[in-house]
C-alpha atoms as a PDB file:
ATOM      1  CA  MET A   1     -15.591  -2.333  -8.399  1.00  0.00           C
ATOM      2  CA  LYS A   2     -12.972  -4.614 -10.181  1.00  0.00           C
ATOM      3  CA  ILE A   3     -11.937  -7.081  -7.609  1.00  0.00           C
ATOM      4  CA  ALA A   4      -8.680  -9.308  -8.155  1.00  0.00           C
ATOM      5  CA  GLU A   5      -9.068 -11.161  -4.916  1.00  0.00           C
ATOM      6  CA  ILE A   6     -10.899 -11.576  -1.490  1.00  0.00           C
ATOM      7  CA  TYR A   7      -9.125 -13.515   1.182  1.00  0.00           C
ATOM      8  CA  LYS A   8      -8.539 -13.821   4.937  1.00  0.00           C
ATOM      9  CA  SER A   9      -4.936 -13.801   6.306  1.00  0.00           C
ATOM     10  CA  ILE A  10      -2.609 -12.073   8.736  1.00  0.00           C
ATOM     11  CA  GLN A  11      -1.495  -8.306   8.127  1.00  0.00           C
ATOM     12  CA  GLY A  12       2.315  -8.603   7.446  1.00  0.00           C
ATOM     13  CA  GLU A  13       3.187  -4.795   6.937  1.00  0.00           C
ATOM     14  CA  GLY A  14       3.080  -1.695   9.101  1.00  0.00           C
ATOM     15  CA  ARG A  15       1.645  -0.796  12.550  1.00  0.00           C
ATOM     16  CA  LEU A  16      -0.971  -3.642  12.497  1.00  0.00           C
ATOM     17  CA  THR A  17       1.495  -6.483  11.553  1.00  0.00           C
ATOM     18  CA  GLY A  18       0.221  -9.642  12.954  1.00  0.00           C
ATOM     19  CA  THR A  19      -3.448  -8.468  12.975  1.00  0.00           C
ATOM     20  CA  PRO A  20      -5.880 -11.105  11.636  1.00  0.00           C
ATOM     21  CA  SER A  21      -7.685  -9.238   8.507  1.00  0.00           C
ATOM     22  CA  VAL A  22      -9.795  -9.841   5.651  1.00  0.00           C
ATOM     23  CA  PHE A  23      -8.158  -8.461   2.425  1.00  0.00           C
ATOM     24  CA  VAL A  24     -10.042  -6.821  -0.599  1.00  0.00           C
ATOM     25  CA  ARG A  25      -7.930  -6.339  -3.338  1.00  0.00           C
ATOM     26  CA  ALA A  26      -9.009  -3.783  -6.015  1.00  0.00           C
ATOM     27  CA  SER A  27      -7.639  -4.543  -9.527  1.00  0.00           C
ATOM     28  CA  GLY A  28      -6.288  -1.756 -11.686  1.00  0.00           C
ATOM     29  CA  CYS A  29      -3.612   0.818 -10.814  1.00  0.00           C
ATOM     30  CA  ASN A  30      -2.429   4.243 -12.110  1.00  0.00           C
ATOM     31  CA  LEU A  31       1.319   3.390 -11.612  1.00  0.00           C
ATOM     32  CA  ARG A  32       3.679   0.749 -12.769  1.00  0.00           C
ATOM     33  CA  CYS A  33       6.192   0.025 -10.317  1.00  0.00           C
ATOM     34  CA  TRP A  34       8.885  -2.168 -11.570  1.00  0.00           C
ATOM     35  CA  PHE A  35       9.071  -4.403  -8.183  1.00  0.00           C
ATOM     36  CA  CYS A  36       5.449  -4.554  -8.035  1.00  0.00           C
ATOM     37  CA  ASP A  37       4.469  -7.958  -6.172  1.00  0.00           C
ATOM     38  CA  THR A  38       0.743  -7.966  -7.451  1.00  0.00           C
ATOM     39  CA  PRO A  39       1.231  -7.647 -11.085  1.00  0.00           C
ATOM     40  CA  TYR A  40      -2.098  -9.387 -11.241  1.00  0.00           C
ATOM     41  CA  ALA A  41      -3.886  -6.031  -9.829  1.00  0.00           C
ATOM     42  CA  SER A  42      -1.566  -3.847 -12.049  1.00  0.00           C
ATOM     43  CA  TRP A  43       0.418  -4.808 -15.039  1.00  0.00           C
ATOM     44  CA  GLN A  44      -2.181  -7.534 -15.858  1.00  0.00           C
ATOM     45  CA  PRO A  45      -5.008  -6.720 -13.857  1.00  0.00           C
ATOM     46  CA  GLU A  46      -7.251  -9.799 -13.453  1.00  0.00           C
ATOM     47  CA  GLY A  47     -10.641 -10.393 -11.425  1.00  0.00           C
ATOM     48  CA  GLN A  48     -14.326  -9.347 -11.940  1.00  0.00           C
ATOM     49  CA  ASP A  49     -16.530  -6.694 -11.247  1.00  0.00           C
ATOM     50  CA  TYR A  50     -18.469  -6.698  -7.946  1.00  0.00           C
ATOM     51  CA  ALA A  51     -21.347  -4.778  -6.354  1.00  0.00           C
ATOM     52  CA  VAL A  52     -20.702  -3.287  -2.833  1.00  0.00           C
ATOM     53  CA  ASP A  53     -23.192  -5.607  -1.317  1.00  0.00           C
ATOM     54  CA  GLU A  54     -21.479  -8.710  -3.075  1.00  0.00           C
ATOM     55  CA  ILE A  55     -18.003  -7.463  -1.483  1.00  0.00           C
ATOM     56  CA  ILE A  56     -19.775  -7.178   2.038  1.00  0.00           C
ATOM     57  CA  ALA A  57     -21.088 -10.497   1.420  1.00  0.00           C
ATOM     58  CA  GLU A  58     -17.922 -12.187   0.958  1.00  0.00           C
ATOM     59  CA  ILE A  59     -16.346 -10.255   3.931  1.00  0.00           C
ATOM     60  CA  GLU A  60     -19.137 -11.446   5.976  1.00  0.00           C
ATOM     61  CA  GLU A  61     -18.054 -15.114   5.474  1.00  0.00           C
ATOM     62  CA  TRP A  62     -15.214 -14.668   8.019  1.00  0.00           C
ATOM     63  CA  ASP A  63     -15.586 -13.496  11.688  1.00  0.00           C
ATOM     64  CA  CYS A  64     -12.804 -10.864  11.572  1.00  0.00           C
ATOM     65  CA  ARG A  65     -13.202  -7.250  12.679  1.00  0.00           C
ATOM     66  CA  HIS A  66     -10.069  -5.822  10.336  1.00  0.00           C
ATOM     67  CA  VAL A  67     -10.752  -5.365   6.688  1.00  0.00           C
ATOM     68  CA  VAL A  68      -7.832  -3.933   4.530  1.00  0.00           C
ATOM     69  CA  ILE A  69      -8.643  -2.469   1.227  1.00  0.00           C
ATOM     70  CA  THR A  70      -5.683  -2.899  -0.890  1.00  0.00           C
ATOM     71  CA  GLY A  71      -4.542  -3.100  -4.710  1.00  0.00           C
ATOM     72  CA  GLY A  72      -3.655  -2.116  -7.183  1.00  0.00           C
ATOM     73  CA  GLU A  73      -5.066   1.471  -6.245  1.00  0.00           C
ATOM     74  CA  PRO A  74      -8.347   1.298  -4.529  1.00  0.00           C
ATOM     75  CA  MET A  75      -8.697   5.078  -4.816  1.00  0.00           C
ATOM     76  CA  LEU A  76      -9.420   4.650  -8.623  1.00  0.00           C
ATOM     77  CA  PHE A  77     -12.859   3.274  -7.866  1.00  0.00           C
ATOM     78  CA  ALA A  78     -15.810   5.429  -6.608  1.00  0.00           C
ATOM     79  CA  GLU A  79     -17.259   2.375  -5.134  1.00  0.00           C
ATOM     80  CA  LEU A  80     -14.641   2.693  -2.326  1.00  0.00           C
ATOM     81  CA  ILE A  81     -16.856   5.294  -0.659  1.00  0.00           C
ATOM     82  CA  PRO A  82     -20.091   3.176  -0.089  1.00  0.00           C
ATOM     83  CA  LEU A  83     -17.991   0.118   0.650  1.00  0.00           C
ATOM     84  CA  CYS A  84     -16.209   1.887   3.437  1.00  0.00           C
ATOM     85  CA  ARG A  85     -19.202   3.498   4.809  1.00  0.00           C
ATOM     86  CA  GLU A  86     -21.030  -0.074   4.882  1.00  0.00           C
ATOM     87  CA  LEU A  87     -18.097  -1.483   6.435  1.00  0.00           C
ATOM     88  CA  GLN A  88     -18.009   1.306   9.081  1.00  0.00           C
ATOM     89  CA  ASP A  89     -21.546   0.849   9.828  1.00  0.00           C
ATOM     90  CA  ARG A  90     -21.097  -2.771  10.662  1.00  0.00           C
ATOM     91  CA  GLY A  91     -18.174  -1.924  13.064  1.00  0.00           C
ATOM     92  CA  ARG A  92     -15.314  -2.880  11.085  1.00  0.00           C
ATOM     93  CA  HIS A  93     -11.934  -1.389  11.474  1.00  0.00           C
ATOM     94  CA  ILE A  94     -10.823  -0.497   8.048  1.00  0.00           C
ATOM     95  CA  THR A  95      -7.139   0.106   6.478  1.00  0.00           C
ATOM     96  CA  VAL A  96      -6.980   1.693   2.815  1.00  0.00           C
ATOM     97  CA  GLU A  97      -3.636   0.996   1.169  1.00  0.00           C
ATOM     98  CA  THR A  98      -2.938   3.608  -1.490  1.00  0.00           C
ATOM     99  CA  ALA A  99       0.259   5.293  -3.214  1.00  0.00           C
ATOM    100  CA  GLY A 100      -1.263   8.867  -2.192  1.00  0.00           C
ATOM    101  CA  THR A 101      -1.705  10.016  -5.845  1.00  0.00           C
ATOM    102  CA  LEU A 102      -5.560   9.998  -5.898  1.00  0.00           C
ATOM    103  CA  TYR A 103      -8.140  11.094  -3.354  1.00  0.00           C
ATOM    104  CA  LEU A 104     -11.617   9.922  -2.429  1.00  0.00           C
ATOM    105  CA  PRO A 105     -13.389  10.804   0.861  1.00  0.00           C
ATOM    106  CA  ALA A 106     -13.378   7.206   2.040  1.00  0.00           C
ATOM    107  CA  ALA A 107     -14.195   6.442   5.858  1.00  0.00           C
ATOM    108  CA  CYS A 108     -11.422   4.308   7.192  1.00  0.00           C
ATOM    109  CA  ASP A 109      -9.237   3.978  10.472  1.00  0.00           C
ATOM    110  CA  LEU A 110      -6.018   3.717   8.837  1.00  0.00           C
ATOM    111  CA  MET A 111      -4.761   5.442   5.781  1.00  0.00           C
ATOM    112  CA  SER A 112      -1.554   3.301   4.940  1.00  0.00           C
ATOM    113  CA  ILE A 113       0.176   5.591   2.152  1.00  0.00           C
ATOM    114  CA  SER A 114       3.059   4.168   0.244  1.00  0.00           C
ATOM    115  CA  PRO A 115       4.605   7.168  -1.782  1.00  0.00           C
ATOM    116  CA  LYS A 116       6.510   5.994  -4.731  1.00  0.00           C
ATOM    117  CA  LEU A 117      10.204   7.184  -5.194  1.00  0.00           C
ATOM    118  CA  ALA A 118      11.944   8.114  -8.305  1.00  0.00           C
ATOM    119  CA  GLY A 119      13.443   4.783  -8.789  1.00  0.00           C
ATOM    120  CA  SER A 120      10.077   2.901  -8.700  1.00  0.00           C
ATOM    121  CA  GLY A 121       9.273   3.335 -12.184  1.00  0.00           C
ATOM    122  CA  PRO A 122       9.684   0.674 -14.951  1.00  0.00           C
ATOM    123  CA  ASN A 123      12.331   0.512 -17.633  1.00  0.00           C
ATOM    124  CA  PRO A 124      11.567   3.428 -20.098  1.00  0.00           C
ATOM    125  CA  GLU A 125      12.951   1.433 -23.067  1.00  0.00           C
ATOM    126  CA  ARG A 126      10.860  -1.543 -22.611  1.00  0.00           C
ATOM    127  CA  HIS A 127       7.926   0.411 -21.064  1.00  0.00           C
ATOM    128  CA  PRO A 128       8.350   4.079 -22.488  1.00  0.00           C
ATOM    129  CA  ARG A 129       4.705   5.016 -22.117  1.00  0.00           C
ATOM    130  CA  TRP A 130       4.022   3.804 -18.721  1.00  0.00           C
ATOM    131  CA  ALA A 131       7.327   5.382 -17.523  1.00  0.00           C
ATOM    132  CA  ARG A 132       6.452   8.549 -18.637  1.00  0.00           C
ATOM    133  CA  ARG A 133       3.180   8.190 -16.935  1.00  0.00           C
ATOM    134  CA  HIS A 134       4.536   6.686 -13.601  1.00  0.00           C
ATOM    135  CA  GLU A 135       6.990   9.604 -13.317  1.00  0.00           C
ATOM    136  CA  ARG A 136       4.243  12.166 -13.778  1.00  0.00           C
ATOM    137  CA  ASP A 137       1.696  10.587 -11.492  1.00  0.00           C
ATOM    138  CA  ARG A 138       3.853   8.974  -8.758  1.00  0.00           C
ATOM    139  CA  TYR A 139       4.449  11.930  -6.380  1.00  0.00           C
ATOM    140  CA  ARG A 140       1.309  14.095  -5.349  1.00  0.00           C
ATOM    141  CA  PRO A 141       2.048  16.220  -2.331  1.00  0.00           C
ATOM    142  CA  GLU A 142      -1.082  17.945  -2.467  1.00  0.00           C
ATOM    143  CA  VAL A 143      -2.842  14.495  -2.154  1.00  0.00           C
ATOM    144  CA  LEU A 144      -0.559  13.362   0.584  1.00  0.00           C
ATOM    145  CA  ALA A 145      -1.165  16.508   2.562  1.00  0.00           C
ATOM    146  CA  ARG A 146      -4.859  15.965   2.550  1.00  0.00           C
ATOM    147  CA  LEU A 147      -4.776  12.507   3.304  1.00  0.00           C
ATOM    148  CA  MET A 148      -2.380  13.145   6.147  1.00  0.00           C
ATOM    149  CA  ALA A 149      -4.736  15.909   7.479  1.00  0.00           C
ATOM    150  CA  GLU A 150      -7.883  13.975   7.409  1.00  0.00           C
ATOM    151  CA  TYR A 151      -6.854  10.265   8.677  1.00  0.00           C
ATOM    152  CA  ASP A 152      -4.837   8.410  11.161  1.00  0.00           C
ATOM    153  CA  PHE A 153      -2.105   7.525   8.579  1.00  0.00           C
ATOM    154  CA  GLN A 154       1.226   5.663   8.158  1.00  0.00           C
ATOM    155  CA  LEU A 155       3.768   6.594   5.331  1.00  0.00           C
ATOM    156  CA  LYS A 156       5.380   3.378   4.314  1.00  0.00           C
ATOM    157  CA  PHE A 157       8.068   3.784   1.846  1.00  0.00           C
ATOM    158  CA  VAL A 158       9.535   0.745  -0.182  1.00  0.00           C
ATOM    159  CA  VAL A 159      13.511   1.282  -0.231  1.00  0.00           C
ATOM    160  CA  ASP A 160      15.576  -0.623  -2.875  1.00  0.00           C
ATOM    161  CA  GLN A 161      18.989   1.086  -2.077  1.00  0.00           C
ATOM    162  CA  PRO A 162      20.905   3.207   0.567  1.00  0.00           C
ATOM    163  CA  GLU A 163      20.602   6.397  -1.641  1.00  0.00           C
ATOM    164  CA  ASP A 164      16.677   6.278  -1.436  1.00  0.00           C
ATOM    165  CA  ILE A 165      17.076   7.759   1.992  1.00  0.00           C
ATOM    166  CA  GLY A 166      18.127  11.085   0.907  1.00  0.00           C
ATOM    167  CA  GLU A 167      14.893  11.331  -1.272  1.00  0.00           C
ATOM    168  CA  ILE A 168      12.735  10.329   1.571  1.00  0.00           C
ATOM    169  CA  GLU A 169      14.234  13.082   3.826  1.00  0.00           C
ATOM    170  CA  GLN A 170      13.477  15.516   1.296  1.00  0.00           C
ATOM    171  CA  LEU A 171       9.922  14.385   0.485  1.00  0.00           C
ATOM    172  CA  LEU A 172       9.235  14.631   4.115  1.00  0.00           C
ATOM    173  CA  LEU A 173      10.526  18.181   4.124  1.00  0.00           C
ATOM    174  CA  GLU A 174       7.965  19.030   1.640  1.00  0.00           C
ATOM    175  CA  LEU A 175       5.026  17.635   3.461  1.00  0.00           C
ATOM    176  CA  PRO A 176       3.441  18.922   6.567  1.00  0.00           C
ATOM    177  CA  GLU A 177       5.284  18.268   9.706  1.00  0.00           C
ATOM    178  CA  LEU A 178       4.976  15.002  11.209  1.00  0.00           C
ATOM    179  CA  SER A 179       6.646  12.716  13.944  1.00  0.00           C
ATOM    180  CA  ALA A 180       8.995   9.984  13.034  1.00  0.00           C
ATOM    181  CA  ASP A 181       6.675   7.207  14.061  1.00  0.00           C
ATOM    182  CA  HIS A 182       4.601   8.142  11.167  1.00  0.00           C
ATOM    183  CA  VAL A 183       7.235   6.940   8.869  1.00  0.00           C
ATOM    184  CA  LEU A 184       8.143   3.132   7.998  1.00  0.00           C
ATOM    185  CA  LEU A 185      10.558   1.994   5.643  1.00  0.00           C
ATOM    186  CA  MET A 186      10.072  -1.516   3.868  1.00  0.00           C
ATOM    187  CA  PRO A 187      12.548  -3.139   2.077  1.00  0.00           C
ATOM    188  CA  GLN A 188      12.084  -3.999  -1.784  1.00  0.00           C
ATOM    189  CA  GLY A 189      11.896  -7.560  -2.241  1.00  0.00           C
ATOM    190  CA  ARG A 190       9.650 -10.337  -3.344  1.00  0.00           C
ATOM    191  CA  SER A 191      11.503 -13.323  -1.902  1.00  0.00           C
ATOM    192  CA  GLY A 192      13.005 -14.064   1.302  1.00  0.00           C
ATOM    193  CA  GLU A 193      16.668 -13.726  -0.174  1.00  0.00           C
ATOM    194  CA  GLU A 194      15.688 -10.061  -1.584  1.00  0.00           C
ATOM    195  CA  LEU A 195      14.429  -9.076   1.858  1.00  0.00           C
ATOM    196  CA  ALA A 196      17.487 -10.526   3.861  1.00  0.00           C
ATOM    197  CA  ALA A 197      19.973  -8.721   1.692  1.00  0.00           C
ATOM    198  CA  HIS A 198      18.321  -5.227   2.238  1.00  0.00           C
ATOM    199  CA  GLY A 199      17.848  -6.177   6.080  1.00  0.00           C
ATOM    200  CA  THR A 200      21.434  -6.015   6.400  1.00  0.00           C
ATOM    201  CA  TRP A 201      21.749  -2.256   6.074  1.00  0.00           C
ATOM    202  CA  LEU A 202      18.065  -0.746   6.295  1.00  0.00           C
ATOM    203  CA  PRO A 203      17.340  -1.421   9.986  1.00  0.00           C
ATOM    204  CA  SER A 204      20.356   0.922  11.111  1.00  0.00           C
ATOM    205  CA  LEU A 205      19.257   3.754   8.790  1.00  0.00           C
ATOM    206  CA  CYS A 206      15.645   3.464  10.248  1.00  0.00           C
ATOM    207  CA  GLU A 207      17.346   3.626  13.916  1.00  0.00           C
ATOM    208  CA  GLU A 208      19.331   6.569  12.995  1.00  0.00           C
ATOM    209  CA  ARG A 209      16.278   8.530  12.038  1.00  0.00           C
ATOM    210  CA  GLY A 210      13.876   7.162  14.493  1.00  0.00           C
ATOM    211  CA  TRP A 211      11.745   5.627  11.764  1.00  0.00           C
ATOM    212  CA  THR A 212      10.186   2.276  11.933  1.00  0.00           C
ATOM    213  CA  TYR A 213      11.734  -0.583  10.081  1.00  0.00           C
ATOM    214  CA  CYS A 214       8.986  -2.700   8.498  1.00  0.00           C
ATOM    215  CA  PRO A 215       9.676  -5.965   7.186  1.00  0.00           C
ATOM    216  CA  ARG A 216       7.277  -7.923   5.155  1.00  0.00           C
ATOM    217  CA  ARG A 217       6.480 -10.761   7.389  1.00  0.00           C
ATOM    218  CA  GLN A 218       3.873 -12.343   4.905  1.00  0.00           C
ATOM    219  CA  ILE A 219       6.892 -13.266   2.640  1.00  0.00           C
ATOM    220  CA  GLU A 220       8.688 -14.815   5.780  1.00  0.00           C
ATOM    221  CA  TRP A 221       5.528 -16.657   7.028  1.00  0.00           C
ATOM    222  CA  PHE A 222       4.114 -17.803   3.491  1.00  0.00           C
ATOM    223  CA  GLY A 223       6.695 -17.127   0.894  1.00  0.00           C
ATOM    224  CA  PRO A 224       5.814 -15.238  -2.213  1.00  0.00           C
ATOM    225  CA  VAL A 225       2.355 -16.681  -2.421  1.00  0.00           C
ATOM    226  CA  ARG A 226      -0.848 -15.083  -3.614  1.00  0.00           C
ATOM    227  CA  GLY A 227      -3.675 -14.782  -1.235  1.00  0.00           C
ATOM    228  CA  THR A 228      -1.607 -14.158   1.764  1.00  0.00           C
END
């Protein structure tokens, strides 16, 4: 399994915000979001191949119950299945962060799904091949429905502009019925300034619909720094 980094920090997004966690970042992604804040795991994937027991050994260096397997896209790697099984056997709480375009039967306690909206793709003039692939693969409702049926989950949407709200509402109509508290909206932004700009209008849109506003606390706490 190609791994870009393994580190301990504090979860800054979603229902478990504030929870000390070990992050295992898979390197490689089937999408190419223009706003990706971890290009070293997608656009220019870095890292090295690890066996499952090597990943476990690094995780065991920290006395930390919560493990977050993120990316990139961890569902690209079949090793995710034995990795999660071993972590489960060791009593770890497992979050898998995925775009919801691929399925593997990986044991986890929270499936954190971030479906990508129409505006997430790269510039088609600069990246024509990836623009086509991204648009083709970014939304797989059948995969989303299966993940929602089999796991405790959160749907975490990255929002760049108010017009994205209508697309999210339409997408939710196409999925199995779910309660509003499963829906989290996270502002697009790779710096404190960008996040603050979105924060002027996004919280009220969440409040109106009963959704959860999900600020990216790790940027607030640490800045746009790798390994946080």
